[in-house]
N, C-alpha and C. Protein backbone atom coordinates (compact mmCIF):
# COMPACT_ATOMS: atom_id res chain seq x y z
N MET A 1 126.88 104.03 103.23
CA MET A 1 127.47 103.08 102.34
C MET A 1 128.99 103.28 102.38
N ASN A 2 129.72 102.18 102.28
CA ASN A 2 131.18 102.22 102.27
C ASN A 2 131.69 102.03 100.85
N ILE A 3 132.50 102.99 100.40
CA ILE A 3 133.13 102.93 99.08
C ILE A 3 134.60 103.27 99.25
N LYS A 4 135.36 103.16 98.17
CA LYS A 4 136.75 103.59 98.19
C LYS A 4 136.90 104.72 97.19
N VAL A 5 137.52 105.81 97.64
CA VAL A 5 137.82 106.94 96.76
C VAL A 5 139.32 107.15 96.84
N ASN A 6 139.99 107.02 95.71
CA ASN A 6 141.45 107.14 95.65
C ASN A 6 142.11 106.22 96.68
N GLN A 7 141.62 105.01 96.76
CA GLN A 7 142.14 103.93 97.60
C GLN A 7 141.96 104.16 99.10
N LYS A 8 141.09 105.11 99.47
CA LYS A 8 140.80 105.36 100.88
C LYS A 8 139.34 105.00 101.13
N ASN A 9 139.08 104.37 102.27
CA ASN A 9 137.71 104.03 102.64
C ASN A 9 136.93 105.30 102.96
N VAL A 10 135.74 105.41 102.39
CA VAL A 10 134.88 106.57 102.57
C VAL A 10 133.47 106.08 102.90
N VAL A 11 132.86 106.69 103.89
CA VAL A 11 131.46 106.42 104.21
C VAL A 11 130.66 107.59 103.64
N THR A 12 129.65 107.28 102.84
CA THR A 12 128.87 108.32 102.17
C THR A 12 127.38 108.05 102.26
N GLU A 13 126.61 109.12 102.21
CA GLU A 13 125.15 109.03 102.12
C GLU A 13 124.71 109.18 100.66
N ALA A 14 125.66 109.47 99.76
CA ALA A 14 125.35 109.70 98.35
C ALA A 14 124.84 108.42 97.68
N ASN A 15 123.91 108.58 96.77
CA ASN A 15 123.39 107.46 95.99
C ASN A 15 123.88 107.47 94.55
N THR A 16 124.32 108.66 94.08
CA THR A 16 124.81 108.77 92.71
C THR A 16 126.18 109.43 92.73
N LEU A 17 126.87 109.30 91.62
CA LEU A 17 128.18 109.91 91.48
C LEU A 17 128.07 111.44 91.58
N SER A 18 127.01 111.99 91.06
CA SER A 18 126.77 113.43 91.14
C SER A 18 126.64 113.88 92.59
N GLN A 19 125.90 113.13 93.39
CA GLN A 19 125.74 113.46 94.80
C GLN A 19 127.08 113.35 95.54
N LEU A 20 127.87 112.34 95.20
CA LEU A 20 129.18 112.17 95.82
C LEU A 20 130.08 113.35 95.47
N ALA A 21 130.06 113.79 94.22
CA ALA A 21 130.87 114.93 93.79
C ALA A 21 130.49 116.18 94.59
N ALA A 22 129.20 116.39 94.81
CA ALA A 22 128.74 117.53 95.61
C ALA A 22 129.19 117.38 97.06
N GLU A 23 129.07 116.18 97.60
CA GLU A 23 129.47 115.90 98.98
C GLU A 23 130.97 116.17 99.17
N MET A 24 131.76 115.88 98.12
CA MET A 24 133.21 116.07 98.18
C MET A 24 133.63 117.47 97.74
N SER A 25 132.66 118.31 97.36
CA SER A 25 132.91 119.68 96.88
C SER A 25 133.88 119.70 95.70
N LEU A 26 133.67 118.80 94.76
CA LEU A 26 134.52 118.78 93.57
C LEU A 26 134.19 119.97 92.69
N PRO A 27 135.21 120.58 92.08
CA PRO A 27 134.96 121.74 91.21
C PRO A 27 134.22 121.35 89.92
N GLU A 28 133.61 122.34 89.28
CA GLU A 28 132.86 122.11 88.04
C GLU A 28 133.76 121.66 86.89
N LYS A 29 135.01 122.14 86.87
CA LYS A 29 135.94 121.83 85.77
C LYS A 29 137.25 121.30 86.35
N GLY A 30 137.99 120.62 85.50
CA GLY A 30 139.31 120.14 85.89
C GLY A 30 139.29 118.88 86.73
N VAL A 31 138.20 118.10 86.65
CA VAL A 31 138.08 116.87 87.43
C VAL A 31 137.62 115.74 86.52
N ALA A 32 138.27 114.59 86.67
CA ALA A 32 137.83 113.38 85.98
C ALA A 32 137.56 112.33 87.05
N VAL A 33 136.56 111.50 86.80
CA VAL A 33 136.21 110.43 87.74
C VAL A 33 136.17 109.11 86.98
N ALA A 34 136.79 108.10 87.59
CA ALA A 34 136.78 106.77 87.00
C ALA A 34 136.20 105.79 88.02
N ILE A 35 135.45 104.83 87.53
CA ILE A 35 134.93 103.74 88.34
C ILE A 35 135.54 102.47 87.79
N ASP A 36 136.25 101.76 88.65
CA ASP A 36 136.94 100.53 88.24
C ASP A 36 137.76 100.77 86.97
N ALA A 37 138.51 101.87 86.96
CA ALA A 37 139.43 102.25 85.88
C ALA A 37 138.74 102.66 84.58
N ASN A 38 137.43 102.92 84.61
CA ASN A 38 136.69 103.40 83.44
C ASN A 38 136.21 104.82 83.69
N ILE A 39 136.66 105.76 82.86
CA ILE A 39 136.26 107.15 83.01
C ILE A 39 134.75 107.28 82.80
N VAL A 40 134.11 108.06 83.68
CA VAL A 40 132.67 108.31 83.57
C VAL A 40 132.50 109.78 83.16
N LYS A 41 131.86 110.01 82.02
CA LYS A 41 131.63 111.37 81.54
C LYS A 41 130.74 112.11 82.53
N ARG A 42 131.04 113.40 82.71
CA ARG A 42 130.30 114.21 83.68
C ARG A 42 128.80 114.18 83.43
N GLN A 43 128.36 114.17 82.20
CA GLN A 43 126.92 114.16 81.92
C GLN A 43 126.24 112.87 82.37
N LEU A 44 127.02 111.84 82.70
CA LEU A 44 126.46 110.58 83.20
C LEU A 44 126.51 110.46 84.72
N TRP A 45 127.12 111.41 85.41
CA TRP A 45 127.27 111.34 86.86
C TRP A 45 125.92 111.22 87.56
N GLU A 46 124.92 111.96 87.11
CA GLU A 46 123.59 111.96 87.75
C GLU A 46 122.94 110.59 87.66
N MET A 47 123.24 109.85 86.59
CA MET A 47 122.62 108.54 86.36
C MET A 47 123.46 107.38 86.87
N THR A 48 124.67 107.68 87.37
CA THR A 48 125.58 106.62 87.81
C THR A 48 125.33 106.32 89.28
N THR A 49 124.75 105.16 89.54
CA THR A 49 124.40 104.74 90.90
C THR A 49 125.62 104.16 91.61
N LEU A 50 125.80 104.57 92.86
CA LEU A 50 126.88 104.02 93.68
C LEU A 50 126.43 102.72 94.33
N TYR A 51 127.36 101.85 94.59
CA TYR A 51 127.06 100.61 95.29
C TYR A 51 128.16 100.32 96.32
N GLU A 52 127.82 99.51 97.31
CA GLU A 52 128.73 99.15 98.39
C GLU A 52 130.03 98.58 97.82
N GLY A 53 131.17 99.10 98.31
CA GLY A 53 132.47 98.59 97.91
C GLY A 53 133.00 99.12 96.60
N MET A 54 132.29 100.05 95.96
CA MET A 54 132.69 100.60 94.68
C MET A 54 134.07 101.26 94.79
N ASN A 55 134.91 101.10 93.75
CA ASN A 55 136.22 101.74 93.71
C ASN A 55 136.17 102.93 92.74
N ILE A 56 136.38 104.12 93.29
CA ILE A 56 136.30 105.36 92.51
C ILE A 56 137.65 106.06 92.56
N THR A 57 138.09 106.57 91.42
CA THR A 57 139.30 107.36 91.36
C THR A 57 138.93 108.76 90.91
N VAL A 58 139.35 109.76 91.67
CA VAL A 58 139.11 111.16 91.34
C VAL A 58 140.45 111.78 90.97
N ILE A 59 140.50 112.37 89.79
CA ILE A 59 141.73 113.00 89.29
C ILE A 59 141.44 114.48 89.10
N LYS A 60 142.23 115.31 89.77
CA LYS A 60 142.09 116.76 89.65
C LYS A 60 143.25 117.29 88.84
N ALA A 61 142.96 118.17 87.89
CA ALA A 61 144.00 118.79 87.07
C ALA A 61 144.83 119.73 87.94
N ALA A 62 146.12 119.72 87.71
CA ALA A 62 147.03 120.61 88.42
C ALA A 62 147.62 121.60 87.43
N PHE A 63 147.65 122.85 87.81
CA PHE A 63 148.18 123.89 86.93
C PHE A 63 149.43 124.49 87.55
N GLY A 64 150.26 125.03 86.72
CA GLY A 64 151.47 125.68 87.23
C GLY A 64 152.70 125.03 86.63
N GLY A 65 153.84 125.50 87.08
CA GLY A 65 155.03 124.93 86.49
C GLY A 65 156.26 125.23 87.23
């Protein structure tokens, strides 16, 4: 399936947001995910089905100064 992650085309075998997060090796904490500019709570990732052409934004917290 073809989706966009952070405005880049991505081909994935994932069916859910949870599977995509695992495929991308996203950390357990410090990550937010939005679909079409709507934040999706982590507890809903397993139930969030991906579809062709979906626009996903992944935001990782940055630490330091």
